[in-house]
Amino acid sequence: MGESSGSGSVSVSVDVERISFGGREHQVRTRCGSLSVAVYGDEEKPPLITYPDIALNHMSCFQGLFFCPEAASLLLHNFCIYHINPQGHELGAAPIPSDVSVPSVDDLADQVVDVLDFFGLGSVMCLGVTAGAYVLTLFATKYRERVLGLMLVSPLCRAPSWSEWLYNKVLLNLLYYYGTRGLVKECLLQRYFSKEVCGSGQYPESDIVQACRSLLDERQGENIWRFLHSINERHDLTELLTKLHCRTLIFVGENSEFHEDAIHMTTKMDQRYCALVEVTYGSIPCHLSIIFEHTWNKTVLRIASRYNFRFRVVAPLSPRSSRLPC
């Protein structure tokens, strides 16, 4: 952490991934290799499973929750959070050997049930972002009895279009030869954040984008290549969505590149169980900090009777206090 002062003000830069929030790291052996799972909270409380987007791990993707006092307090007092990191995305991960086969998206979904079985979990709530949202949605369609509800941020649900497939192929080649430098890094940042957050001639680049830019330098390009390759070969979930009856809340930015998939997903699911929240502007952390305002009374509390568990709100959420600056 660095600190500088001038003109009576102090600015502090934070290395997000090296902050300890008291989580416990577990290496879980699955049918397709070992996964790093970070557990936060009391394991007697209802479980919440998270899965991040490509090239992110649980800290770099979900830091918005931990830096928002109300949301973090709400989570940790009422859930035990199980953060699944895609293989090779955890801090300090070594490159995955090239002779290890690349998992399919079905393999990734099956890994989630392996994690649940490892911890002895029954039915869970799920929170996923983009590629992670796809994996958890696929998991929910394959193991419907294991999912109580889905909270999805900018989700994918269809097979990639030709343009997306070709775009990802270019990224895969760049990742293979150059890692997460240069153009690859800029493409990933544009995937995660809105134009206002990324900065332009009119807007300066936000601190969180600068932090994420630094974190991407530490990623192993080979490991990101594997996850992106799996997602680029994903199949369409449209027909399976019609049979998915767990309560689902979808968040997406109005101008997001994932907006069309979110709308498609909402229209294909049973309207009794699915709701869509469109955000005027924002980034991944902004989406996540808003989730609990909209879901707490309507969706999340429905699991209380399943666990015979009483929830309590430690700090009341307000529209202003729960949002992060972005």
Foldseek 3Di string as FASTA:
>chain_A
DDWDDDPHDIDDADLQQPDDPPWDWDWFQDPQGTWIKTKAADPLAAEEEEEEDFLAFCRLQQVLQVVQVQSVLQDRQHYIYITIGQPQNRPPRDFDDPVRDQDALVRLLRVVVSVCVVSVHAAHEYEYEALRLQSVVVNCLVCVRRYQEYEYELYAAAQDDPVVLVVLVVLLVCLVPPNCDDPNVVVVLVQFFPDQCCDDPVHHHHSSSVSVSVSSVRGRSNSSSSSSVNNNRDHHCLVSQQVRQRAYEYEYEPPHPSVVRRVSSCVSHDVVRYDYDYDPGTGSSQRVLCVCVPDVVPRPCVCCVVSVHDRDRPDDDDPPSSGDDD
